[in-house]
Amino acid sequence: MPKVTISTKITSAREAKKIFRELAKQTTPKASLDELMTELCRFEKKFGMSSIEFYRQFLAGKMGDEHDMMLWAMYYESYISLLQTP
């Protein structure tokens, strides 16, 4: 997923939604998938296990709730969700 930093003085939720809608139009599913795969591979190398095995253990409560574990789970869930999108 592309990383975006927005620095603005938005005064309304409507203006914020408009910005995010425009950003979403610029993101392709392939670009998102590539970014997710890069992040998953980084975690797999760092912790020496596949994302599938990590997620199985994460769901079983064996991986803790440290920042890296939560990020890895989020990336994996996003990856699965993107793959299931028609």
N, C-alpha and C. Protein backbone atom coordinates (compact mmCIF):
# COMPACT_ATOMS: atom_id res chain seq x y z
N MET A 1 0.83 -1.16 0.00
CA MET A 1 0.00 0.00 0.00
C MET A 1 0.88 1.23 0.00
N PRO A 2 0.56 2.18 -0.84
CA PRO A 2 1.36 3.40 -0.83
C PRO A 2 1.24 4.10 0.51
N LYS A 3 2.32 4.70 0.91
CA LYS A 3 2.32 5.44 2.15
C LYS A 3 2.15 6.92 1.81
N VAL A 4 1.20 7.55 2.47
CA VAL A 4 0.86 8.93 2.18
C VAL A 4 0.90 9.73 3.46
N THR A 5 1.52 10.88 3.40
CA THR A 5 1.51 11.81 4.52
C THR A 5 0.79 13.07 4.06
N ILE A 6 -0.22 13.45 4.80
CA ILE A 6 -0.98 14.64 4.46
C ILE A 6 -0.76 15.68 5.53
N SER A 7 -0.33 16.83 5.10
CA SER A 7 -0.13 17.94 6.02
C SER A 7 -1.03 19.08 5.54
N THR A 8 -2.10 19.28 6.25
CA THR A 8 -3.06 20.29 5.84
C THR A 8 -3.86 20.75 7.05
N LYS A 9 -4.60 21.79 6.86
CA LYS A 9 -5.47 22.30 7.92
C LYS A 9 -6.91 22.08 7.50
N ILE A 10 -7.27 20.82 7.36
CA ILE A 10 -8.63 20.47 6.98
C ILE A 10 -9.56 20.83 8.13
N THR A 11 -10.64 21.47 7.77
CA THR A 11 -11.56 21.88 8.81
C THR A 11 -12.81 21.02 8.90
N SER A 12 -12.98 20.14 7.93
CA SER A 12 -14.19 19.32 8.00
C SER A 12 -13.92 17.88 7.58
N ALA A 13 -14.76 16.98 8.07
CA ALA A 13 -14.66 15.57 7.69
C ALA A 13 -14.94 15.42 6.20
N ARG A 14 -15.80 16.24 5.67
CA ARG A 14 -16.12 16.18 4.23
C ARG A 14 -14.89 16.45 3.38
N GLU A 15 -14.10 17.45 3.75
CA GLU A 15 -12.87 17.75 3.01
C GLU A 15 -11.88 16.59 3.10
N ALA A 16 -11.76 15.99 4.29
CA ALA A 16 -10.86 14.85 4.47
C ALA A 16 -11.29 13.68 3.61
N LYS A 17 -12.58 13.38 3.57
CA LYS A 17 -13.09 12.28 2.74
C LYS A 17 -12.79 12.52 1.27
N LYS A 18 -12.91 13.76 0.84
CA LYS A 18 -12.63 14.09 -0.56
C LYS A 18 -11.17 13.79 -0.90
N ILE A 19 -10.26 14.16 -0.02
CA ILE A 19 -8.83 13.90 -0.24
C ILE A 19 -8.57 12.40 -0.30
N PHE A 20 -9.14 11.64 0.62
CA PHE A 20 -8.91 10.20 0.64
C PHE A 20 -9.52 9.51 -0.58
N ARG A 21 -10.67 9.99 -1.05
CA ARG A 21 -11.26 9.42 -2.26
C ARG A 21 -10.33 9.64 -3.46
N GLU A 22 -9.76 10.82 -3.56
CA GLU A 22 -8.83 11.12 -4.66
C GLU A 22 -7.58 10.25 -4.57
N LEU A 23 -7.06 10.05 -3.37
CA LEU A 23 -5.89 9.19 -3.20
C LEU A 23 -6.21 7.74 -3.57
N ALA A 24 -7.39 7.29 -3.20
CA ALA A 24 -7.80 5.91 -3.50
C ALA A 24 -7.86 5.68 -5.01
N LYS A 25 -8.24 6.67 -5.75
CA LYS A 25 -8.31 6.54 -7.22
C LYS A 25 -6.92 6.33 -7.82
N GLN A 26 -5.90 6.82 -7.14
CA GLN A 26 -4.53 6.73 -7.65
C GLN A 26 -3.86 5.40 -7.32
N THR A 27 -4.48 4.58 -6.51
CA THR A 27 -3.91 3.32 -6.07
C THR A 27 -4.51 2.17 -6.86
N THR A 28 -3.66 1.36 -7.48
CA THR A 28 -4.16 0.21 -8.22
C THR A 28 -4.07 -1.04 -7.35
N PRO A 29 -4.91 -2.04 -7.62
CA PRO A 29 -4.82 -3.29 -6.86
C PRO A 29 -3.43 -3.93 -6.98
N LYS A 30 -2.82 -3.87 -8.18
CA LYS A 30 -1.50 -4.48 -8.36
C LYS A 30 -0.45 -3.76 -7.51
N ALA A 31 -0.51 -2.45 -7.46
CA ALA A 31 0.45 -1.70 -6.64
C ALA A 31 0.27 -2.05 -5.16
N SER A 32 -0.97 -2.17 -4.74
CA SER A 32 -1.25 -2.54 -3.34
C SER A 32 -0.74 -3.94 -3.05
N LEU A 33 -1.00 -4.87 -3.97
CA LEU A 33 -0.55 -6.25 -3.79
C LEU A 33 0.98 -6.32 -3.73
N ASP A 34 1.65 -5.61 -4.61
CA ASP A 34 3.12 -5.59 -4.59
C ASP A 34 3.66 -5.07 -3.27
N GLU A 35 3.07 -4.00 -2.78
CA GLU A 35 3.52 -3.42 -1.52
C GLU A 35 3.28 -4.37 -0.35
N LEU A 36 2.12 -5.01 -0.33
CA LEU A 36 1.82 -5.97 0.73
C LEU A 36 2.78 -7.14 0.71
N MET A 37 3.07 -7.65 -0.48
CA MET A 37 4.00 -8.78 -0.60
C MET A 37 5.39 -8.39 -0.12
N THR A 38 5.82 -7.17 -0.42
CA THR A 38 7.12 -6.68 0.05
C THR A 38 7.16 -6.66 1.57
N GLU A 39 6.10 -6.14 2.18
CA GLU A 39 6.05 -6.06 3.64
C GLU A 39 5.99 -7.46 4.27
N LEU A 40 5.20 -8.35 3.69
CA LEU A 40 5.11 -9.71 4.23
C LEU A 40 6.46 -10.42 4.15
N CYS A 41 7.15 -10.27 3.04
CA CYS A 41 8.49 -10.89 2.90
C CYS A 41 9.47 -10.33 3.92
N ARG A 42 9.36 -9.04 4.18
CA ARG A 42 10.25 -8.42 5.18
C ARG A 42 10.03 -9.03 6.56
N PHE A 43 8.78 -9.21 6.95
CA PHE A 43 8.48 -9.83 8.24
C PHE A 43 8.90 -11.30 8.26
N GLU A 44 8.68 -12.01 7.17
CA GLU A 44 9.06 -13.43 7.11
C GLU A 44 10.56 -13.59 7.30
N LYS A 45 11.34 -12.73 6.67
CA LYS A 45 12.80 -12.79 6.83
C LYS A 45 13.21 -12.41 8.25
N LYS A 46 12.58 -11.38 8.78
CA LYS A 46 12.93 -10.89 10.12
C LYS A 46 12.65 -11.94 11.20
N PHE A 47 11.53 -12.66 11.08
CA PHE A 47 11.13 -13.59 12.12
C PHE A 47 11.30 -15.05 11.75
N GLY A 48 11.75 -15.34 10.53
CA GLY A 48 12.08 -16.71 10.13
C GLY A 48 10.89 -17.65 10.05
N MET A 49 9.74 -17.14 9.61
CA MET A 49 8.58 -18.02 9.41
C MET A 49 7.70 -17.44 8.32
N SER A 50 6.90 -18.30 7.73
CA SER A 50 5.99 -17.83 6.68
C SER A 50 4.86 -17.01 7.30
N SER A 51 4.26 -16.18 6.48
CA SER A 51 3.13 -15.39 6.95
C SER A 51 1.94 -16.28 7.30
N ILE A 52 1.78 -17.37 6.57
CA ILE A 52 0.68 -18.30 6.85
C ILE A 52 0.85 -18.90 8.24
N GLU A 53 2.06 -19.37 8.55
CA GLU A 53 2.33 -19.95 9.87
C GLU A 53 2.22 -18.90 10.96
N PHE A 54 2.76 -17.71 10.70
CA PHE A 54 2.63 -16.62 11.67
C PHE A 54 1.16 -16.37 12.00
N TYR A 55 0.35 -16.23 10.96
CA TYR A 55 -1.04 -15.86 11.18
C TYR A 55 -1.80 -16.96 11.93
N ARG A 56 -1.49 -18.21 11.62
CA ARG A 56 -2.10 -19.33 12.36
C ARG A 56 -1.78 -19.20 13.84
N GLN A 57 -0.51 -18.95 14.15
CA GLN A 57 -0.09 -18.80 15.55
C GLN A 57 -0.64 -17.52 16.18
N PHE A 58 -0.72 -16.47 15.39
CA PHE A 58 -1.26 -15.20 15.87
C PHE A 58 -2.72 -15.38 16.31
N LEU A 59 -3.50 -16.05 15.47
CA LEU A 59 -4.90 -16.29 15.81
C LEU A 59 -5.06 -17.19 17.03
N ALA A 60 -4.08 -18.06 17.25
CA ALA A 60 -4.10 -18.94 18.42
C ALA A 60 -3.60 -18.22 19.68
N GLY A 61 -3.21 -16.95 19.54
CA GLY A 61 -2.75 -16.18 20.69
C GLY A 61 -1.31 -16.44 21.10
N LYS A 62 -0.52 -17.00 20.19
CA LYS A 62 0.86 -17.39 20.53
C LYS A 62 1.91 -16.37 20.08
N MET A 63 1.50 -15.29 19.44
CA MET A 63 2.49 -14.34 18.91
C MET A 63 2.53 -13.01 19.64
N GLY A 64 1.66 -12.84 20.60
CA GLY A 64 1.66 -11.60 21.37
C GLY A 64 1.00 -10.45 20.63
N ASP A 65 1.11 -9.26 21.21
CA ASP A 65 0.47 -8.10 20.60
C ASP A 65 1.43 -6.93 20.45
N GLU A 66 2.71 -7.25 20.27
CA GLU A 66 3.69 -6.20 20.04
C GLU A 66 3.40 -5.52 18.70
N HIS A 67 3.95 -4.36 18.52
CA HIS A 67 3.70 -3.55 17.32
C HIS A 67 3.96 -4.33 16.03
N ASP A 68 5.11 -5.00 15.94
CA ASP A 68 5.44 -5.76 14.73
C ASP A 68 4.43 -6.86 14.46
N MET A 69 3.98 -7.52 15.49
CA MET A 69 3.01 -8.61 15.30
C MET A 69 1.67 -8.08 14.80
N MET A 70 1.26 -6.96 15.35
CA MET A 70 0.01 -6.35 14.91
C MET A 70 0.10 -5.87 13.47
N LEU A 71 1.23 -5.26 13.11
CA LEU A 71 1.42 -4.83 11.73
C LEU A 71 1.42 -6.01 10.76
N TRP A 72 2.16 -7.06 11.12
CA TRP A 72 2.24 -8.24 10.27
C TRP A 72 0.85 -8.82 10.06
N ALA A 73 0.07 -8.93 11.11
CA ALA A 73 -1.30 -9.45 11.00
C ALA A 73 -2.15 -8.54 10.11
N MET A 74 -2.00 -7.25 10.25
CA MET A 74 -2.76 -6.31 9.43
C MET A 74 -2.39 -6.46 7.95
N TYR A 75 -1.08 -6.54 7.68
CA TYR A 75 -0.64 -6.72 6.29
C TYR A 75 -1.16 -8.04 5.71
N TYR A 76 -1.11 -9.09 6.50
CA TYR A 76 -1.58 -10.39 6.02
C TYR A 76 -3.09 -10.36 5.76
N GLU A 77 -3.85 -9.78 6.65
CA GLU A 77 -5.29 -9.69 6.46
C GLU A 77 -5.62 -8.84 5.23
N SER A 78 -4.88 -7.77 5.02
CA SER A 78 -5.09 -6.93 3.84
C SER A 78 -4.75 -7.71 2.57
N TYR A 79 -3.67 -8.48 2.62
CA TYR A 79 -3.26 -9.30 1.48
C TYR A 79 -4.35 -10.31 1.12
N ILE A 80 -4.85 -11.02 2.11
CA ILE A 80 -5.91 -12.01 1.88
C ILE A 80 -7.16 -11.33 1.33
N SER A 81 -7.51 -10.20 1.90
CA SER A 81 -8.69 -9.46 1.46
C SER A 81 -8.54 -9.01 0.00
N LEU A 82 -7.37 -8.52 -0.34
CA LEU A 82 -7.13 -8.07 -1.72
C LEU A 82 -7.20 -9.24 -2.70
N LEU A 83 -6.68 -10.38 -2.30
CA LEU A 83 -6.73 -11.55 -3.18
C LEU A 83 -8.17 -12.03 -3.40
N GLN A 84 -9.03 -11.82 -2.43
CA GLN A 84 -10.42 -12.28 -2.53
C GLN A 84 -11.33 -11.27 -3.22
N THR A 85 -10.82 -10.09 -3.51
CA THR A 85 -11.60 -9.06 -4.17
C THR A 85 -11.77 -9.42 -5.65
N PRO A 86 -13.03 -9.43 -6.12
CA PRO A 86 -13.25 -9.78 -7.54
C PRO A 86 -12.68 -8.76 -8.50
